[in-house]
Amino acid sequence: MTDFASAFKSGQEAAAKAQAARHSIDALILKVSEDLARVTDGRLNISVQSFDPDNSVARWLGIASSTALQASIGTSIGAAAPRSAFEKGKYLAASNPKSGGNKYTRLAKWTQADEGFPCTLGFGQSELNCYDIESLATAFSDMLSNATIGEKLLTVINETSK
């Protein structure tokens, strides 16, 4: 016979571990953001943001979906636009709180298991799989030292109020 009480206890232990992992990930992202805000005089904020092109550019243009948007702009603009501009999902993103807007710039694709780990940071040709907080901290460091990410962050830092 199945021991439901034991299964319940195992589930509660797993839930506690998952909460602790998610908390440590959130704390690390906050630390990265606070460190970058400090060295940029408060002009840089890092957070995980959800992007949905169906609710932004495509709808703004009156087009039903991001697929239709890609088809409508064809090879002219579509070929020049980064593929991530049309991808729905979560991203590690940067914003400039001092610019007065609510604009976020995608830095890296972000995936995270319900249990917290593993999580993945994808940018450029890199896809960094992280199985603990130490490997995630290393992945953030690798991302921040990447030239393309550096250029994106510089653009965000230099944004001005509109």
Protein backbone atom coordinates (compact mmCIF):
# COMPACT_ATOMS: atom_id res chain seq x y z
CA MET A 1 0.00 0.00 0.00
CA THR A 2 1.20 3.49 -0.80
CA ASP A 3 2.46 5.54 2.14
CA PHE A 4 0.73 8.87 1.50
CA ALA A 5 2.00 10.46 4.71
CA SER A 6 5.60 9.79 3.66
CA ALA A 7 4.91 11.14 0.17
CA PHE A 8 3.38 14.27 1.71
CA LYS A 9 6.45 14.81 3.91
CA SER A 10 8.74 14.40 0.90
CA GLY A 11 6.67 16.94 -1.01
CA GLN A 12 6.89 19.44 1.86
CA GLU A 13 10.67 19.02 2.03
CA ALA A 14 10.93 19.51 -1.73
CA ALA A 15 8.73 22.63 -1.49
CA ALA A 16 10.96 24.12 1.21
CA LYS A 17 14.09 23.45 -0.89
CA ALA A 18 12.44 25.02 -3.96
CA GLN A 19 11.44 28.13 -2.00
CA ALA A 20 14.97 28.49 -0.66
CA ALA A 21 16.46 28.11 -4.15
CA ARG A 22 14.08 30.68 -5.66
CA HIS A 23 14.82 33.07 -2.80
CA SER A 24 18.59 32.72 -3.34
CA ILE A 25 18.16 33.38 -7.08
CA ASP A 26 16.01 36.47 -6.43
CA ALA A 27 18.57 37.71 -3.87
CA LEU A 28 21.41 37.28 -6.37
CA ILE A 29 19.55 39.18 -9.10
CA LEU A 30 18.85 41.96 -6.58
CA LYS A 31 22.54 42.06 -5.59
CA VAL A 32 23.62 42.32 -9.25
CA SER A 33 21.11 45.13 -9.78
CA GLU A 34 22.17 46.99 -6.63
CA ASP A 35 25.88 46.68 -7.50
CA LEU A 36 25.29 48.00 -11.01
CA ALA A 37 23.06 50.82 -9.74
CA ARG A 38 25.81 51.84 -7.34
CA VAL A 39 28.51 52.05 -10.04
CA THR A 40 26.22 53.86 -12.52
CA ASP A 41 24.83 56.48 -10.13
CA GLY A 42 21.43 54.76 -10.14
CA ARG A 43 21.09 54.65 -13.91
CA LEU A 44 20.90 50.88 -14.23
CA ASN A 45 18.39 48.37 -12.91
CA ILE A 46 18.44 44.65 -13.71
CA SER A 47 15.38 42.42 -13.36
CA VAL A 48 13.58 39.47 -14.92
CA GLN A 49 10.85 40.72 -17.27
CA SER A 50 8.27 38.95 -19.42
CA PHE A 51 8.18 40.03 -23.05
CA ASP A 52 5.26 39.31 -25.36
CA PRO A 53 5.57 40.77 -28.86
CA ASP A 54 1.90 39.97 -29.45
CA ASN A 55 1.11 42.55 -26.79
CA SER A 56 3.58 45.18 -27.93
CA VAL A 57 4.90 45.85 -31.43
CA ALA A 58 2.48 43.61 -33.31
CA ARG A 59 -0.58 45.04 -31.58
CA TRP A 60 0.76 48.59 -31.84
CA LEU A 61 0.97 48.04 -35.59
CA GLY A 62 -2.50 46.48 -35.67
CA ILE A 63 -1.20 43.05 -36.65
CA ALA A 64 -2.73 39.99 -35.02
CA SER A 65 0.45 38.14 -34.01
CA SER A 66 4.22 38.30 -33.94
CA THR A 67 4.29 35.66 -36.71
CA ALA A 68 2.13 37.91 -38.86
CA LEU A 69 4.40 40.82 -37.93
CA GLN A 70 7.44 38.91 -39.15
CA ALA A 71 5.62 37.98 -42.35
CA SER A 72 4.38 41.54 -42.93
CA ILE A 73 7.80 43.16 -42.64
CA GLY A 74 9.33 40.40 -44.70
CA THR A 75 12.99 40.38 -45.56
CA SER A 76 13.55 44.13 -45.48
CA ILE A 77 13.19 44.97 -41.79
CA GLY A 78 12.61 41.42 -40.61
CA ALA A 79 16.02 40.22 -41.67
CA ALA A 80 17.68 43.05 -39.77
CA ALA A 81 15.62 42.60 -36.61
CA PRO A 82 17.09 40.27 -34.02
CA ARG A 83 15.17 37.04 -33.65
CA SER A 84 14.71 37.75 -29.93
CA ALA A 85 12.61 40.80 -30.84
CA PHE A 86 9.84 38.38 -31.82
CA GLU A 87 10.30 35.77 -29.08
CA LYS A 88 7.87 35.57 -26.22
CA GLY A 89 9.35 34.71 -22.86
CA LYS A 90 11.27 35.85 -19.83
CA TYR A 91 14.46 37.81 -20.14
CA LEU A 92 17.00 39.31 -17.84
CA ALA A 93 16.47 42.95 -18.75
CA ALA A 94 17.98 46.35 -17.99
CA SER A 95 16.26 49.67 -17.47
CA ASN A 96 17.33 53.18 -16.52
CA PRO A 97 15.17 54.40 -13.62
CA LYS A 98 16.47 57.94 -14.16
CA SER A 99 15.22 58.11 -17.76
CA GLY A 100 11.65 58.53 -16.55
CA GLY A 101 10.30 55.75 -18.73
CA ASN A 102 9.37 52.13 -18.32
CA LYS A 103 11.53 50.81 -21.15
CA TYR A 104 13.39 47.52 -20.71
CA THR A 105 16.24 46.25 -22.87
CA ARG A 106 16.60 42.48 -23.19
CA LEU A 107 19.97 41.20 -22.13
CA ALA A 108 19.60 37.43 -21.88
CA LYS A 109 16.87 34.84 -22.29
CA TRP A 110 15.94 33.54 -18.83
CA THR A 111 14.51 30.15 -17.98
CA GLN A 112 14.07 28.84 -14.48
CA ALA A 113 12.69 25.56 -13.21
CA ASP A 114 9.80 25.65 -10.76
CA GLU A 115 12.25 24.23 -8.23
CA GLY A 116 14.57 27.21 -8.77
CA PHE A 117 17.43 25.28 -10.34
CA PRO A 118 18.38 24.60 -12.99
CA CYS A 119 18.10 27.97 -14.67
CA THR A 120 19.56 29.12 -17.98
CA LEU A 121 20.94 32.42 -19.23
CA GLY A 122 21.06 32.69 -23.02
CA PHE A 123 22.83 35.55 -24.81
CA GLY A 124 24.70 35.75 -28.09
CA GLN A 125 25.96 32.27 -28.88
CA SER A 126 26.11 31.35 -25.18
CA GLU A 127 23.61 29.29 -23.25
CA LEU A 128 24.75 28.98 -19.66
CA ASN A 129 23.06 26.27 -17.59
CA CYS A 130 23.23 26.89 -13.85
CA TYR A 131 22.60 24.19 -11.28
CA ASP A 132 23.44 26.16 -8.12
CA ILE A 133 23.89 29.73 -6.92
CA GLU A 134 27.66 29.70 -7.52
CA SER A 135 27.30 28.74 -11.19
CA LEU A 136 24.56 31.38 -11.59
CA ALA A 137 26.84 34.07 -10.14
CA THR A 138 29.56 33.01 -12.60
CA ALA A 139 27.05 33.13 -15.47
CA PHE A 140 26.02 36.69 -14.52
CA SER A 141 29.69 37.69 -14.42
CA ASP A 142 30.27 36.13 -17.85
CA MET A 143 27.22 37.93 -19.23
CA LEU A 144 28.26 41.32 -17.81
CA SER A 145 31.76 40.98 -19.27
CA ASN A 146 30.41 40.21 -22.78
CA ALA A 147 31.01 43.04 -25.30
CA THR A 148 27.50 42.92 -26.79
CA ILE A 149 25.89 43.01 -23.36
CA GLY A 150 28.25 45.86 -22.43
CA GLU A 151 27.06 47.87 -25.43
CA LYS A 152 23.42 47.26 -24.54
CA LEU A 153 24.04 48.37 -20.95
CA LEU A 154 25.87 51.49 -22.13
CA THR A 155 22.87 52.39 -24.29
CA VAL A 156 20.54 51.96 -21.30
CA ILE A 157 22.80 54.02 -19.04
CA ASN A 158 22.87 56.85 -21.60
CA GLU A 159 19.07 57.00 -22.03
CA THR A 160 17.67 60.38 -21.09
CA SER A 161 14.26 61.60 -19.95
CA LYS A 162 11.78 62.16 -22.74
